[in-house]
N, C-alpha and C. Protein backbone atom coordinates (compact mmCIF):
# COMPACT_ATOMS: atom_id res chain seq x y z
N MET A 1 -15.22 9.23 29.15
CA MET A 1 -13.95 9.40 28.51
C MET A 1 -12.71 9.46 29.49
N VAL A 2 -11.80 8.70 29.28
CA VAL A 2 -10.43 8.84 29.99
C VAL A 2 -9.34 8.98 29.14
N VAL A 3 -8.64 9.95 29.46
CA VAL A 3 -7.54 10.19 28.74
C VAL A 3 -6.01 9.86 29.47
N HIS A 4 -5.22 9.07 28.97
CA HIS A 4 -4.00 8.76 29.59
C HIS A 4 -2.93 9.40 28.73
N ALA A 5 -1.91 9.96 29.49
CA ALA A 5 -0.80 10.76 28.67
C ALA A 5 0.64 10.10 29.37
N ASP A 6 1.42 9.88 28.46
CA ASP A 6 2.84 9.60 28.94
C ASP A 6 3.85 10.30 27.97
N ALA A 7 5.18 10.19 28.28
CA ALA A 7 6.20 10.94 27.45
C ALA A 7 7.36 10.09 27.26
N VAL A 8 7.75 10.41 26.03
CA VAL A 8 9.04 9.42 25.77
C VAL A 8 10.01 10.53 24.72
N ASP A 9 11.19 10.08 24.67
CA ASP A 9 12.31 10.90 24.02
C ASP A 9 12.02 10.76 22.44
N ASP A 10 11.21 11.45 21.94
CA ASP A 10 10.89 11.42 20.42
C ASP A 10 10.18 12.60 20.08
N SER A 11 10.01 13.06 19.01
CA SER A 11 9.42 14.20 18.57
C SER A 11 8.05 13.90 17.92
N ASP A 12 7.55 12.75 17.87
CA ASP A 12 6.31 12.47 17.32
C ASP A 12 5.23 12.43 18.44
N VAL A 13 4.17 12.85 18.06
CA VAL A 13 3.06 12.64 18.99
C VAL A 13 2.18 11.51 18.59
N LEU A 14 1.94 10.53 19.35
CA LEU A 14 1.02 9.31 18.98
C LEU A 14 -0.27 9.41 19.81
N VAL A 15 -1.20 9.00 19.16
CA VAL A 15 -2.55 8.92 19.90
C VAL A 15 -2.99 7.54 19.51
N GLY A 16 -3.59 6.70 20.76
CA GLY A 16 -4.23 5.52 20.59
C GLY A 16 -5.60 5.65 20.98
N LEU A 17 -6.63 4.94 20.50
CA LEU A 17 -7.91 4.66 20.77
C LEU A 17 -8.46 3.38 21.16
N VAL A 18 -9.10 3.47 22.43
CA VAL A 18 -9.71 2.27 22.93
C VAL A 18 -11.12 2.45 23.17
N VAL A 19 -11.90 1.71 22.40
CA VAL A 19 -13.50 1.74 22.31
C VAL A 19 -14.00 0.28 22.40
N SER A 20 -14.36 -0.03 23.73
CA SER A 20 -14.68 -1.52 23.89
C SER A 20 -16.14 -1.94 23.35
N LYS A 21 -16.38 -3.22 23.69
CA LYS A 21 -17.82 -3.49 23.11
C LYS A 21 -18.78 -3.06 24.02
N ALA A 22 -18.45 -2.65 25.07
CA ALA A 22 -19.37 -2.15 26.32
C ALA A 22 -19.99 -0.65 25.74
N VAL A 23 -19.16 -0.02 24.65
CA VAL A 23 -19.87 1.32 23.99
C VAL A 23 -20.86 1.00 23.25
N GLY A 24 -21.06 -0.29 22.69
CA GLY A 24 -22.28 -0.52 21.63
C GLY A 24 -21.70 -1.51 20.52
N ASN A 25 -22.75 -1.70 19.69
CA ASN A 25 -22.26 -2.54 18.55
C ASN A 25 -21.18 -2.01 17.48
N ALA A 26 -20.86 -2.81 16.51
CA ALA A 26 -19.79 -2.37 15.68
C ALA A 26 -19.86 -1.07 14.88
N VAL A 27 -21.10 -0.60 14.56
CA VAL A 27 -21.43 0.50 13.95
C VAL A 27 -21.15 1.74 14.90
N THR A 28 -21.79 1.41 16.07
CA THR A 28 -21.56 2.57 17.25
C THR A 28 -20.01 2.86 17.55
N ARG A 29 -19.45 1.75 17.61
CA ARG A 29 -17.87 1.76 18.13
C ARG A 29 -17.16 2.39 16.95
N ASN A 30 -17.41 2.20 15.78
CA ASN A 30 -16.74 2.75 14.72
C ASN A 30 -17.05 4.33 14.49
N SER A 31 -18.27 4.69 14.79
CA SER A 31 -18.79 5.91 14.78
C SER A 31 -17.96 6.88 15.67
N VAL A 32 -17.85 6.24 17.13
CA VAL A 32 -17.12 6.87 18.16
C VAL A 32 -15.63 6.93 17.80
N LYS A 33 -15.02 5.94 17.06
CA LYS A 33 -13.60 5.95 16.83
C LYS A 33 -13.48 7.22 15.77
N ARG A 34 -14.34 7.29 14.80
CA ARG A 34 -14.21 8.36 13.83
C ARG A 34 -14.28 9.62 14.50
N GLN A 35 -15.23 10.01 15.47
CA GLN A 35 -15.33 11.13 16.27
C GLN A 35 -14.12 11.40 16.92
N LEU A 36 -13.45 10.44 17.68
CA LEU A 36 -12.42 10.70 18.50
C LEU A 36 -11.29 10.89 17.59
N ARG A 37 -11.09 10.47 16.61
CA ARG A 37 -9.95 10.86 15.67
C ARG A 37 -9.97 12.23 15.28
N HIS A 38 -11.25 12.83 14.85
CA HIS A 38 -11.44 14.09 14.48
C HIS A 38 -11.25 15.14 15.69
N LEU A 39 -11.64 14.69 16.88
CA LEU A 39 -11.46 15.42 18.02
C LEU A 39 -9.94 15.47 18.31
N ALA A 40 -9.15 14.44 18.19
CA ALA A 40 -7.72 14.40 18.68
C ALA A 40 -7.07 15.21 17.63
N ARG A 41 -7.31 15.20 16.35
CA ARG A 41 -6.70 16.19 15.35
C ARG A 41 -6.82 17.61 15.76
N SER A 42 -7.94 17.87 16.26
CA SER A 42 -8.07 19.45 16.53
C SER A 42 -7.27 19.97 17.74
N VAL A 43 -6.87 18.90 18.81
CA VAL A 43 -6.20 19.31 20.00
C VAL A 43 -4.63 18.98 19.80
N LEU A 44 -4.23 18.41 18.86
CA LEU A 44 -2.88 17.93 18.60
C LEU A 44 -1.89 19.12 18.60
N PRO A 45 -2.13 20.37 17.90
CA PRO A 45 -1.34 21.35 18.05
C PRO A 45 -1.13 21.83 19.47
N GLN A 46 -1.94 21.50 20.33
CA GLN A 46 -1.41 21.97 21.98
C GLN A 46 -0.66 20.84 22.62
N THR A 47 -0.37 19.82 21.97
CA THR A 47 0.25 18.68 22.68
C THR A 47 1.72 18.73 22.28
N PRO A 48 2.50 18.74 23.46
CA PRO A 48 4.00 18.74 23.41
C PRO A 48 4.76 17.42 22.46
N ALA A 49 5.63 17.75 21.82
CA ALA A 49 6.24 16.63 21.11
C ALA A 49 6.70 15.51 22.09
N GLY A 50 6.75 14.26 21.63
CA GLY A 50 7.07 13.20 22.57
C GLY A 50 5.86 12.65 23.37
N SER A 51 4.65 13.27 23.22
CA SER A 51 3.61 12.80 23.99
C SER A 51 3.05 11.36 23.37
N ARG A 52 2.46 10.75 24.19
CA ARG A 52 1.83 9.45 23.83
C ARG A 52 0.37 9.67 24.80
N VAL A 53 -0.62 9.60 23.85
CA VAL A 53 -1.91 9.86 24.44
C VAL A 53 -2.80 8.73 24.08
N VAL A 54 -3.57 8.36 25.00
CA VAL A 54 -4.58 7.12 24.87
C VAL A 54 -6.03 7.51 25.13
N LEU A 55 -6.82 7.62 24.48
CA LEU A 55 -8.32 7.95 24.56
C LEU A 55 -9.01 6.70 24.87
N ARG A 56 -9.64 6.49 25.95
CA ARG A 56 -10.59 5.37 26.43
C ARG A 56 -11.91 5.79 26.40
N ALA A 57 -12.77 5.41 25.36
CA ALA A 57 -14.16 5.64 25.70
C ALA A 57 -15.08 4.71 26.53
N LEU A 58 -15.68 5.56 27.37
CA LEU A 58 -16.60 4.65 28.02
C LEU A 58 -18.05 4.63 27.57
N PRO A 59 -18.80 3.79 28.01
CA PRO A 59 -20.16 3.63 27.36
C PRO A 59 -21.06 4.80 27.10
N PRO A 60 -21.02 5.73 27.97
CA PRO A 60 -21.69 6.99 27.68
C PRO A 60 -21.24 7.76 26.28
N ALA A 61 -20.01 7.33 25.88
CA ALA A 61 -19.37 8.13 24.57
C ALA A 61 -20.31 7.89 23.55
N ALA A 62 -21.12 6.95 23.34
CA ALA A 62 -21.99 6.66 22.21
C ALA A 62 -23.34 7.65 22.21
N ARG A 63 -23.48 8.18 23.25
CA ARG A 63 -24.83 8.99 23.41
C ARG A 63 -24.74 10.19 22.58
N SER A 64 -23.93 11.19 22.67
CA SER A 64 -24.01 12.40 21.96
C SER A 64 -22.50 12.82 21.49
N ALA A 65 -22.49 13.28 20.35
CA ALA A 65 -21.14 13.77 19.84
C ALA A 65 -20.86 15.04 20.42
N GLU A 66 -21.76 15.95 20.91
CA GLU A 66 -21.38 17.04 21.66
C GLU A 66 -20.96 16.81 22.98
N ASP A 67 -21.47 15.71 23.78
CA ASP A 67 -20.95 15.38 25.10
C ASP A 67 -19.33 14.77 24.98
N LEU A 68 -19.20 14.10 23.68
CA LEU A 68 -17.86 13.52 23.45
C LEU A 68 -17.01 14.57 23.28
N ARG A 69 -17.34 15.62 22.58
CA ARG A 69 -16.28 16.73 22.26
C ARG A 69 -16.10 17.38 23.72
N ARG A 70 -17.07 17.77 24.32
CA ARG A 70 -16.90 18.32 25.75
C ARG A 70 -15.91 17.45 26.59
N ASP A 71 -16.19 16.24 26.47
CA ASP A 71 -15.27 15.35 27.44
C ASP A 71 -13.70 15.39 26.93
N VAL A 72 -13.59 15.18 25.74
CA VAL A 72 -12.13 15.08 24.97
C VAL A 72 -11.58 16.67 25.33
N SER A 73 -12.22 17.74 25.21
CA SER A 73 -11.75 18.92 25.35
C SER A 73 -11.43 19.07 26.93
N ALA A 74 -12.15 18.52 27.77
CA ALA A 74 -11.68 18.69 29.14
C ALA A 74 -10.62 17.79 29.69
N ALA A 75 -10.76 16.54 29.14
CA ALA A 75 -9.85 15.51 29.86
C ALA A 75 -8.43 15.59 29.15
N TRP A 76 -8.30 15.81 27.78
CA TRP A 76 -6.87 15.94 27.12
C TRP A 76 -6.11 17.11 27.72
N PRO A 77 -6.49 18.09 28.11
CA PRO A 77 -5.42 19.25 28.80
C PRO A 77 -5.29 18.78 30.30
N ASN A 78 -6.23 18.20 30.96
CA ASN A 78 -6.14 17.76 32.12
C ASN A 78 -4.99 16.64 32.17
N ALA A 79 -5.04 15.68 31.33
CA ALA A 79 -4.00 14.59 31.17
C ALA A 79 -2.60 15.13 30.97
N LEU A 80 -2.50 16.06 29.86
CA LEU A 80 -1.12 16.74 29.61
C LEU A 80 -0.59 17.57 30.91
N GLU A 81 -1.62 18.27 31.56
CA GLU A 81 -1.19 18.80 32.83
C GLU A 81 -0.74 17.87 33.99
N ARG A 82 -1.22 16.74 34.28
CA ARG A 82 -0.88 15.75 34.98
C ARG A 82 0.56 15.32 34.72
N LEU A 83 0.68 15.12 33.25
CA LEU A 83 1.99 14.62 32.91
C LEU A 83 3.14 15.74 32.99
N ARG A 84 2.65 16.95 32.97
CA ARG A 84 3.86 18.09 32.88
C ARG A 84 4.28 17.98 34.55
N ARG A 85 3.35 18.05 35.54
CA ARG A 85 3.43 17.85 36.90
C ARG A 85 4.49 16.74 37.23
N ARG A 86 4.04 15.68 36.78
CA ARG A 86 4.81 14.29 37.10
C ARG A 86 6.02 14.31 36.59
N GLU A 87 6.47 14.69 35.33
CA GLU A 87 7.61 14.57 34.62
C GLU A 87 8.45 15.89 34.28
N GLY A 88 7.71 16.88 34.81
CA GLY A 88 8.32 18.17 34.13
C GLY A 88 8.58 18.30 32.73
N PHE A 89 7.51 17.79 32.13
CA PHE A 89 7.37 17.63 30.52
C PHE A 89 6.82 19.06 30.09
N SER A 90 7.39 19.55 29.21
CA SER A 90 6.78 20.75 28.54
C SER A 90 6.21 20.64 27.08
């Protein structure tokens, strides 16, 4: 899992998903996307307004829902912390 974050002058938080064919067949990719949407909803309250976040699933994302949850839970705050340090974003 790779999480990219950026900031704009806006009050909305937008989340994008990237799940390439390397993750698996269409059924697997759609399952990963559904899981990512659910996980993103759970961390949105901790995300500052104006954030743009992109979740990019790597091939191991299809292995286990628990691993995916753990990856998102760790990578999302790290990406926001890097953004805060880079842009003084709060």
